[in-house]
Every structure is written in C-alpha cells, then in structure tokens.
Amino acid sequence: GTEMGDKVKIFDQCHLGSNVTIGEGTIIFAGAKILDDTIIGANCIIHSGTVIGSDGFGFAPQDGGGYKKIPQTGIVVIGDDVEIGANSVIDRATIGETIIDKMTKIDNLVHVGHNVQIGKACLITAQVGIAGSTKVGDNSQMGGQAGVVPHVEIGPNSIIAAKSGVTKSLTGNQMYGGYPARPIRDQHKRDAVHREVSLLKQKVQQLIQGSERN
C-alpha cells in the first residue's frame, strides 16, 4: 500500500512501513525509518537516523500499580518542502494527526510529541522537545534545547530563545526567553535585578565583615 512520487530518492537501510505516501522529489537518507500510514509531501529531505511515526508517550496508571499502554492509532502528516535533521523523532498522533506544515525546517535531535501541530515555515533547532498536543504558529523559531510543555499554543511569529521553557500559551509576534518563558524584555529586566541584588548582597557582606574586624 505504500506509494512514491516521481524522482524520490531512498538510500540504504531505510524502512518504509505499510500505507506510506511520499511526494515527488523527496529524499530519504540512509537509516531513516518511516513507519505505517505516514504521509510525506513533495521535495522533503529526511536525514539519516530520523524516525517518523513512532508511538507517542501514552500510558494510563493502573489501580494495582504500573501502567497500561494507550494505543497510538493516529498518523504523521508532513507538508511540502520540509527538512528534518538527523536522529530526530516525530511521534504519530494518539488519535488524528501530528502535523509538520510546509516549508518548516527541523534540526538534528529534535523530538516532536504526539498530536503536535507545527505551522508553516518554522525553524526548530537542535535538541528542542515539544510535548504532546502543542500548537506552534506559522513562522515561529525555537533555539537549541528549548522545551515546551503539553497542550499549549505558541502564536505565530514567535521566537523562543535557546534553553527557554514554555509552560503556558504565548500570544506570538515577539521574542520570549527564560524559564518560564516570558517576553524577552521582561526576562532581561529580571536578569538585571538579579545581578543588582547579587552585588548588593556582596556589599552588605563586606560591610558586615568590616564591622566585625573593627
């Protein structure tokens, strides 16, 4: 049931599952794994070691202890002109679709959880983790090692600074930083206050030590 368009290139040691659809001109480099029912658009680039369509992280606690696995029955849909870096993982949806919209570029070692929706022309850099059911607006960017909790929405044209933690929905159209992520100007003000307090503490300690010697 798997179908491929014209001029698709698939290198060695790749795996294509059942009912996979790959658009014309797409390149899948060595060792990538494209699991069942995945839909990949035209002119995409999937780098080595990437896994698309793996199970999302879903477990239900049991009364007697332990966890029961929740079936992951959805799919992954990737739009045209998307590039996904090496050793990244895009989880299939629990129900419905995990979506990477057209022209989005994803770096190496990125994890996109189940039912995440990433908009058009986004840039996601290395070691970003996006938890399940999060929505990322068009033209957004995420710096390295940024993290996003589940079930939040990041508005369009957002820039999430490296190592930031998104813990609630953000309206977009500006840059955010810190943990929890806040508008970058607010974060800079907090950083400045923290430095001033640290300097003040040092001066107080010096005064105390001076008075003790006297």
C-alpha atoms as a PDB file:
ATOM      1  CA  GLY A   1       0.000   0.000   0.000  1.00  0.00           C
ATOM      2  CA  THR A   2       2.993   2.358   0.028  1.00  0.00           C
ATOM      3  CA  GLU A   3       3.168   4.898  -2.811  1.00  0.00           C
ATOM      4  CA  MET A   4       6.009   7.132  -4.001  1.00  0.00           C
ATOM      5  CA  GLY A   5       6.011  10.027  -6.450  1.00  0.00           C
ATOM      6  CA  ASP A   6       8.482  10.633  -9.258  1.00  0.00           C
ATOM      7  CA  LYS A   7      12.166  11.291  -8.553  1.00  0.00           C
ATOM      8  CA  VAL A   8      12.040  10.074  -4.957  1.00  0.00           C
ATOM      9  CA  LYS A   9      15.459   9.006  -3.628  1.00  0.00           C
ATOM     10  CA  ILE A  10      15.705   6.437  -0.849  1.00  0.00           C
ATOM     11  CA  PHE A  11      19.151   5.475   0.419  1.00  0.00           C
ATOM     12  CA  ASP A  12      20.335   2.249   2.062  1.00  0.00           C
ATOM     13  CA  GLN A  13      18.995   0.735   5.270  1.00  0.00           C
ATOM     14  CA  CYS A  14      15.795   2.782   5.259  1.00  0.00           C
ATOM     15  CA  HIS A  15      12.494   1.277   6.384  1.00  0.00           C
ATOM     16  CA  LEU A  16       9.140   2.200   4.848  1.00  0.00           C
ATOM     17  CA  GLY A  17       6.067   0.823   6.594  1.00  0.00           C
ATOM     18  CA  SER A  18       2.658  -0.006   5.171  1.00  0.00           C
ATOM     19  CA  ASN A  19       0.455   2.631   3.515  1.00  0.00           C
ATOM     20  CA  VAL A  20       3.169   5.281   3.487  1.00  0.00           C
ATOM     21  CA  THR A  21       2.819   8.118   0.965  1.00  0.00           C
ATOM     22  CA  ILE A  22       5.897  10.017  -0.264  1.00  0.00           C
ATOM     23  CA  GLY A  23       5.604  13.019  -2.581  1.00  0.00           C
ATOM     24  CA  GLU A  24       7.714  13.599  -5.660  1.00  0.00           C
ATOM     25  CA  GLY A  25      11.308  14.713  -5.333  1.00  0.00           C
ATOM     26  CA  THR A  26      11.632  13.764  -1.661  1.00  0.00           C
ATOM     27  CA  ILE A  27      14.997  12.444  -0.432  1.00  0.00           C
ATOM     28  CA  ILE A  28      15.260   9.973   2.457  1.00  0.00           C
ATOM     29  CA  PHE A  29      18.822   9.407   3.609  1.00  0.00           C
ATOM     30  CA  ALA A  30      20.366   6.231   4.963  1.00  0.00           C
ATOM     31  CA  GLY A  31      18.875   4.593   8.027  1.00  0.00           C
ATOM     32  CA  ALA A  32      15.699   6.658   8.319  1.00  0.00           C
ATOM     33  CA  LYS A  33      12.549   4.846   9.490  1.00  0.00           C
ATOM     34  CA  ILE A  34       9.187   5.886   8.067  1.00  0.00           C
ATOM     35  CA  LEU A  35       6.511   3.919   9.899  1.00  0.00           C
ATOM     36  CA  ASP A  36       2.997   2.879   8.886  1.00  0.00           C
ATOM     37  CA  ASP A  37       0.491   5.369   7.434  1.00  0.00           C
ATOM     38  CA  THR A  38       2.897   8.329   7.387  1.00  0.00           C
ATOM     39  CA  ILE A  39       2.265  10.981   4.726  1.00  0.00           C
ATOM     40  CA  ILE A  40       5.267  12.963   3.460  1.00  0.00           C
ATOM     41  CA  GLY A  41       4.872  15.778   0.929  1.00  0.00           C
ATOM     42  CA  ALA A  42       6.923  16.736  -2.109  1.00  0.00           C
ATOM     43  CA  ASN A  43      10.557  17.889  -2.114  1.00  0.00           C
ATOM     44  CA  CYS A  44      11.187  16.996   1.520  1.00  0.00           C
ATOM     45  CA  ILE A  45      14.551  15.962   2.955  1.00  0.00           C
ATOM     46  CA  ILE A  46      14.662  13.362   5.747  1.00  0.00           C
ATOM     47  CA  HIS A  47      18.150  12.888   7.183  1.00  0.00           C
ATOM     48  CA  SER A  48      19.782   9.727   8.494  1.00  0.00           C
ATOM     49  CA  GLY A  49      18.513   8.068  11.640  1.00  0.00           C
ATOM     50  CA  THR A  50      15.255  10.002  11.816  1.00  0.00           C
ATOM     51  CA  VAL A  51      12.133   8.122  12.907  1.00  0.00           C
ATOM     52  CA  ILE A  52       8.723   9.322  11.724  1.00  0.00           C
ATOM     53  CA  GLY A  53       5.532   7.732  13.000  1.00  0.00           C
ATOM     54  CA  SER A  54       6.770   6.078  16.188  1.00  0.00           C
ATOM     55  CA  ASP A  55       4.341   5.689  19.095  1.00  0.00           C
ATOM     56  CA  GLY A  56       3.708   8.712  21.268  1.00  0.00           C
ATOM     57  CA  PHE A  57       4.311   8.502  25.015  1.00  0.00           C
ATOM     58  CA  GLY A  58       0.914   7.471  26.369  1.00  0.00           C
ATOM     59  CA  PHE A  59       0.302   5.366  29.478  1.00  0.00           C
ATOM     60  CA  ALA A  60      -2.619   5.118  31.894  1.00  0.00           C
ATOM     61  CA  PRO A  61      -1.888   4.412  35.601  1.00  0.00           C
ATOM     62  CA  GLN A  62      -3.485   1.252  36.970  1.00  0.00           C
ATOM     63  CA  ASP A  63      -5.120   0.778  40.382  1.00  0.00           C
ATOM     64  CA  GLY A  64      -2.764  -2.036  41.304  1.00  0.00           C
ATOM     65  CA  GLY A  65       0.295  -0.100  40.222  1.00  0.00           C
ATOM     66  CA  GLY A  66       2.057   0.087  36.919  1.00  0.00           C
ATOM     67  CA  TYR A  67       0.791   1.484  33.637  1.00  0.00           C
ATOM     68  CA  LYS A  68      -1.241   0.352  30.677  1.00  0.00           C
ATOM     69  CA  LYS A  69      -0.150   1.446  27.217  1.00  0.00           C
ATOM     70  CA  ILE A  70      -2.628   3.682  25.380  1.00  0.00           C
ATOM     71  CA  PRO A  71      -2.843   2.665  21.696  1.00  0.00           C
ATOM     72  CA  GLN A  72      -1.408   5.279  19.347  1.00  0.00           C
ATOM     73  CA  THR A  73      -3.676   4.985  16.317  1.00  0.00           C
ATOM     74  CA  GLY A  74      -3.104   8.312  14.543  1.00  0.00           C
ATOM     75  CA  ILE A  75      -0.661   9.300  11.830  1.00  0.00           C
ATOM     76  CA  VAL A  76       2.021  11.858  10.903  1.00  0.00           C
ATOM     77  CA  VAL A  77       1.442  14.317   8.057  1.00  0.00           C
ATOM     78  CA  ILE A  78       4.410  16.279   6.711  1.00  0.00           C
ATOM     79  CA  GLY A  79       3.882  19.076   4.198  1.00  0.00           C
ATOM     80  CA  ASP A  80       5.896  20.002   1.112  1.00  0.00           C
ATOM     81  CA  ASP A  81       9.470  21.345   1.311  1.00  0.00           C
ATOM     82  CA  VAL A  82      10.040  20.221   4.904  1.00  0.00           C
ATOM     83  CA  GLU A  83      13.530  19.210   6.069  1.00  0.00           C
ATOM     84  CA  ILE A  84      14.072  17.046   9.154  1.00  0.00           C
ATOM     85  CA  GLY A  85      17.580  16.650  10.584  1.00  0.00           C
ATOM     86  CA  ALA A  86      19.409  13.522  11.673  1.00  0.00           C
ATOM     87  CA  ASN A  87      18.170  11.413  14.596  1.00  0.00           C
ATOM     88  CA  SER A  88      15.014  13.422  15.146  1.00  0.00           C
ATOM     89  CA  VAL A  89      11.740  11.743  16.143  1.00  0.00           C
ATOM     90  CA  ILE A  90       8.213  12.693  15.087  1.00  0.00           C
ATOM     91  CA  ASP A  91       5.580  10.722  17.037  1.00  0.00           C
ATOM     92  CA  ARG A  92       2.328   9.575  15.482  1.00  0.00           C
ATOM     93  CA  ALA A  93      -0.857  11.003  16.955  1.00  0.00           C
ATOM     94  CA  THR A  94      -2.804   9.142  19.613  1.00  0.00           C
ATOM     95  CA  ILE A  95      -5.916   9.911  17.538  1.00  0.00           C
ATOM     96  CA  GLY A  96      -5.884  12.124  14.468  1.00  0.00           C
ATOM     97  CA  GLU A  97      -2.713  13.691  13.084  1.00  0.00           C
ATOM     98  CA  THR A  98       0.685  15.005  14.115  1.00  0.00           C
ATOM     99  CA  ILE A  99       1.337  17.780  11.581  1.00  0.00           C
ATOM    100  CA  ILE A 100       4.528  19.421  10.311  1.00  0.00           C
ATOM    101  CA  ASP A 101       3.329  22.027   7.831  1.00  0.00           C
ATOM    102  CA  LYS A 102       5.074  23.033   4.622  1.00  0.00           C
ATOM    103  CA  MET A 103       8.474  24.761   4.473  1.00  0.00           C
ATOM    104  CA  THR A 104       9.297  24.020   8.128  1.00  0.00           C
ATOM    105  CA  LYS A 105      12.916  23.100   8.882  1.00  0.00           C
ATOM    106  CA  ILE A 106      13.797  20.866  11.836  1.00  0.00           C
ATOM    107  CA  ASP A 107      17.365  20.382  13.076  1.00  0.00           C
ATOM    108  CA  ASN A 108      19.062  17.248  14.434  1.00  0.00           C
ATOM    109  CA  LEU A 109      17.959  15.578  17.684  1.00  0.00           C
ATOM    110  CA  VAL A 110      14.535  17.172  17.925  1.00  0.00           C
ATOM    111  CA  HIS A 111      11.561  15.371  19.488  1.00  0.00           C
ATOM    112  CA  VAL A 112       8.025  16.254  18.377  1.00  0.00           C
ATOM    113  CA  GLY A 113       5.380  14.574  20.540  1.00  0.00           C
ATOM    114  CA  HIS A 114       2.052  13.085  19.541  1.00  0.00           C
ATOM    115  CA  ASN A 115      -0.658  15.362  18.110  1.00  0.00           C
ATOM    116  CA  VAL A 116       1.702  18.339  17.916  1.00  0.00           C
ATOM    117  CA  GLN A 117       0.897  20.783  15.126  1.00  0.00           C
ATOM    118  CA  ILE A 118       3.780  22.881  13.784  1.00  0.00           C
ATOM    119  CA  GLY A 119       2.814  25.614  11.340  1.00  0.00           C
ATOM    120  CA  LYS A 120       4.294  26.785   8.070  1.00  0.00           C
ATOM    121  CA  ALA A 121       7.910  27.943   7.657  1.00  0.00           C
ATOM    122  CA  CYS A 122       9.000  27.312  11.256  1.00  0.00           C
ATOM    123  CA  LEU A 123      12.625  26.805  12.331  1.00  0.00           C
ATOM    124  CA  ILE A 124      13.246  24.285  15.117  1.00  0.00           C
ATOM    125  CA  THR A 125      16.888  23.928  16.155  1.00  0.00           C
ATOM    126  CA  ALA A 126      18.807  21.119  17.851  1.00  0.00           C
ATOM    127  CA  GLN A 127      17.599  19.315  20.980  1.00  0.00           C
ATOM    128  CA  VAL A 128      14.229  21.040  21.155  1.00  0.00           C
ATOM    129  CA  GLY A 129      11.469  18.984  22.777  1.00  0.00           C
ATOM    130  CA  ILE A 130       7.812  19.739  22.027  1.00  0.00           C
ATOM    131  CA  ALA A 131       5.340  17.805  24.181  1.00  0.00           C
ATOM    132  CA  GLY A 132       2.058  16.360  23.004  1.00  0.00           C
ATOM    133  CA  SER A 133      -0.876  18.355  21.605  1.00  0.00           C
ATOM    134  CA  THR A 134       1.057  21.622  21.448  1.00  0.00           C
ATOM    135  CA  LYS A 135       0.353  24.004  18.558  1.00  0.00           C
ATOM    136  CA  VAL A 136       3.115  26.174  17.106  1.00  0.00           C
ATOM    137  CA  GLY A 137       2.076  29.084  14.873  1.00  0.00           C
ATOM    138  CA  ASP A 138       3.433  29.883  11.412  1.00  0.00           C
ATOM    139  CA  ASN A 139       6.922  31.407  11.031  1.00  0.00           C
ATOM    140  CA  SER A 140       7.951  30.625  14.594  1.00  0.00           C
ATOM    141  CA  GLN A 141      11.508  29.805  15.673  1.00  0.00           C
ATOM    142  CA  MET A 142      12.913  27.821  18.612  1.00  0.00           C
ATOM    143  CA  GLY A 143      16.511  27.998  19.815  1.00  0.00           C
ATOM    144  CA  GLY A 144      18.546  24.986  20.893  1.00  0.00           C
ATOM    145  CA  GLN A 145      17.394  22.975  23.923  1.00  0.00           C
ATOM    146  CA  ALA A 146      14.145  24.897  24.321  1.00  0.00           C
ATOM    147  CA  GLY A 147      11.324  22.858  25.819  1.00  0.00           C
ATOM    148  CA  VAL A 148       7.545  23.113  25.544  1.00  0.00           C
ATOM    149  CA  VAL A 149       5.001  21.535  27.902  1.00  0.00           C
ATOM    150  CA  PRO A 150       1.923  19.736  26.503  1.00  0.00           C
ATOM    151  CA  HIS A 151      -1.379  21.329  25.491  1.00  0.00           C
ATOM    152  CA  VAL A 152      -0.204  24.907  24.953  1.00  0.00           C
ATOM    153  CA  GLU A 153      -0.376  27.203  21.944  1.00  0.00           C
ATOM    154  CA  ILE A 154       2.500  29.318  20.685  1.00  0.00           C
ATOM    155  CA  GLY A 155       1.304  32.157  18.486  1.00  0.00           C
ATOM    156  CA  PRO A 156       2.682  32.914  15.017  1.00  0.00           C
ATOM    157  CA  ASN A 157       5.989  34.738  14.534  1.00  0.00           C
ATOM    158  CA  SER A 158       7.254  33.700  17.960  1.00  0.00           C
ATOM    159  CA  ILE A 159      10.956  33.369  18.717  1.00  0.00           C
ATOM    160  CA  ILE A 160      11.776  31.117  21.679  1.00  0.00           C
ATOM    161  CA  ALA A 161      15.328  31.739  22.900  1.00  0.00           C
ATOM    162  CA  ALA A 162      17.716  28.841  23.486  1.00  0.00           C
ATOM    163  CA  LYS A 163      17.225  26.859  26.712  1.00  0.00           C
ATOM    164  CA  SER A 164      13.876  28.525  27.428  1.00  0.00           C
ATOM    165  CA  GLY A 165      10.960  26.622  28.940  1.00  0.00           C
ATOM    166  CA  VAL A 166       7.459  27.305  27.625  1.00  0.00           C
ATOM    167  CA  THR A 167       4.997  26.488  30.415  1.00  0.00           C
ATOM    168  CA  LYS A 168       1.892  28.308  29.186  1.00  0.00           C
ATOM    169  CA  SER A 169       0.391  29.579  25.940  1.00  0.00           C
ATOM    170  CA  LEU A 170       2.102  32.561  24.265  1.00  0.00           C
ATOM    171  CA  THR A 171       0.383  35.091  22.017  1.00  0.00           C
ATOM    172  CA  GLY A 172       3.221  35.367  19.493  1.00  0.00           C
ATOM    173  CA  ASN A 173       4.696  38.159  17.342  1.00  0.00           C
ATOM    174  CA  GLN A 174       7.630  38.661  19.707  1.00  0.00           C
ATOM    175  CA  MET A 175      10.668  37.017  21.292  1.00  0.00           C
ATOM    176  CA  TYR A 176      10.470  35.021  24.525  1.00  0.00           C
ATOM    177  CA  GLY A 177      13.164  33.759  26.879  1.00  0.00           C
ATOM    178  CA  GLY A 178      13.848  32.264  30.294  1.00  0.00           C
ATOM    179  CA  TYR A 179      12.057  29.745  32.471  1.00  0.00           C
ATOM    180  CA  PRO A 180       9.164  30.072  32.468  1.00  0.00           C
ATOM    181  CA  ALA A 181       9.380  31.757  29.069  1.00  0.00           C
ATOM    182  CA  ARG A 182       8.263  35.395  29.095  1.00  0.00           C
ATOM    183  CA  PRO A 183       8.709  38.359  26.731  1.00  0.00           C
ATOM    184  CA  ILE A 184      12.456  38.821  26.341  1.00  0.00           C
ATOM    185  CA  ARG A 185      12.403  42.416  27.661  1.00  0.00           C
ATOM    186  CA  ASP A 186      10.806  41.224  30.879  1.00  0.00           C
ATOM    187  CA  GLN A 187      13.407  38.474  31.137  1.00  0.00           C
ATOM    188  CA  HIS A 188      16.244  40.966  30.661  1.00  0.00           C
ATOM    189  CA  LYS A 189      14.787  43.167  33.420  1.00  0.00           C
ATOM    190  CA  ARG A 190      14.628  40.196  35.778  1.00  0.00           C
ATOM    191  CA  ASP A 191      18.229  39.294  34.932  1.00  0.00           C
ATOM    192  CA  ALA A 192      19.336  42.878  35.620  1.00  0.00           C
ATOM    193  CA  VAL A 193      17.555  42.943  39.006  1.00  0.00           C
ATOM    194  CA  HIS A 194      19.128  39.613  39.919  1.00  0.00           C
ATOM    195  CA  ARG A 195      22.604  40.977  39.184  1.00  0.00           C
ATOM    196  CA  GLU A 196      21.923  44.131  41.217  1.00  0.00           C
ATOM    197  CA  VAL A 197      20.693  42.103  44.176  1.00  0.00           C
ATOM    198  CA  SER A 198      23.792  39.891  43.986  1.00  0.00           C
ATOM    199  CA  LEU A 199      26.068  42.953  44.017  1.00  0.00           C
ATOM    200  CA  LEU A 200      24.126  44.461  46.906  1.00  0.00           C
ATOM    201  CA  LYS A 201      24.472  41.225  48.855  1.00  0.00           C
ATOM    202  CA  GLN A 202      28.231  41.254  48.330  1.00  0.00           C
ATOM    203  CA  LYS A 203      28.481  44.855  49.561  1.00  0.00           C
ATOM    204  CA  VAL A 204      26.414  44.075  52.665  1.00  0.00           C
ATOM    205  CA  GLN A 205      28.654  41.103  53.451  1.00  0.00           C
ATOM    206  CA  GLN A 206      31.740  43.293  53.058  1.00  0.00           C
ATOM    207  CA  LEU A 207      30.274  45.879  55.451  1.00  0.00           C
ATOM    208  CA  ILE A 208      29.458  43.177  57.999  1.00  0.00           C
ATOM    209  CA  GLN A 209      32.931  41.690  57.783  1.00  0.00           C
ATOM    210  CA  GLY A 210      34.480  45.169  58.120  1.00  0.00           C
ATOM    211  CA  SER A 211      32.416  45.993  61.225  1.00  0.00           C
ATOM    212  CA  GLU A 212      33.333  42.635  62.812  1.00  0.00           C
ATOM    213  CA  ARG A 213      37.051  43.356  62.343  1.00  0.00           C
ATOM    214  CA  ASN A 214      36.618  46.789  63.943  1.00  0.00           C
END
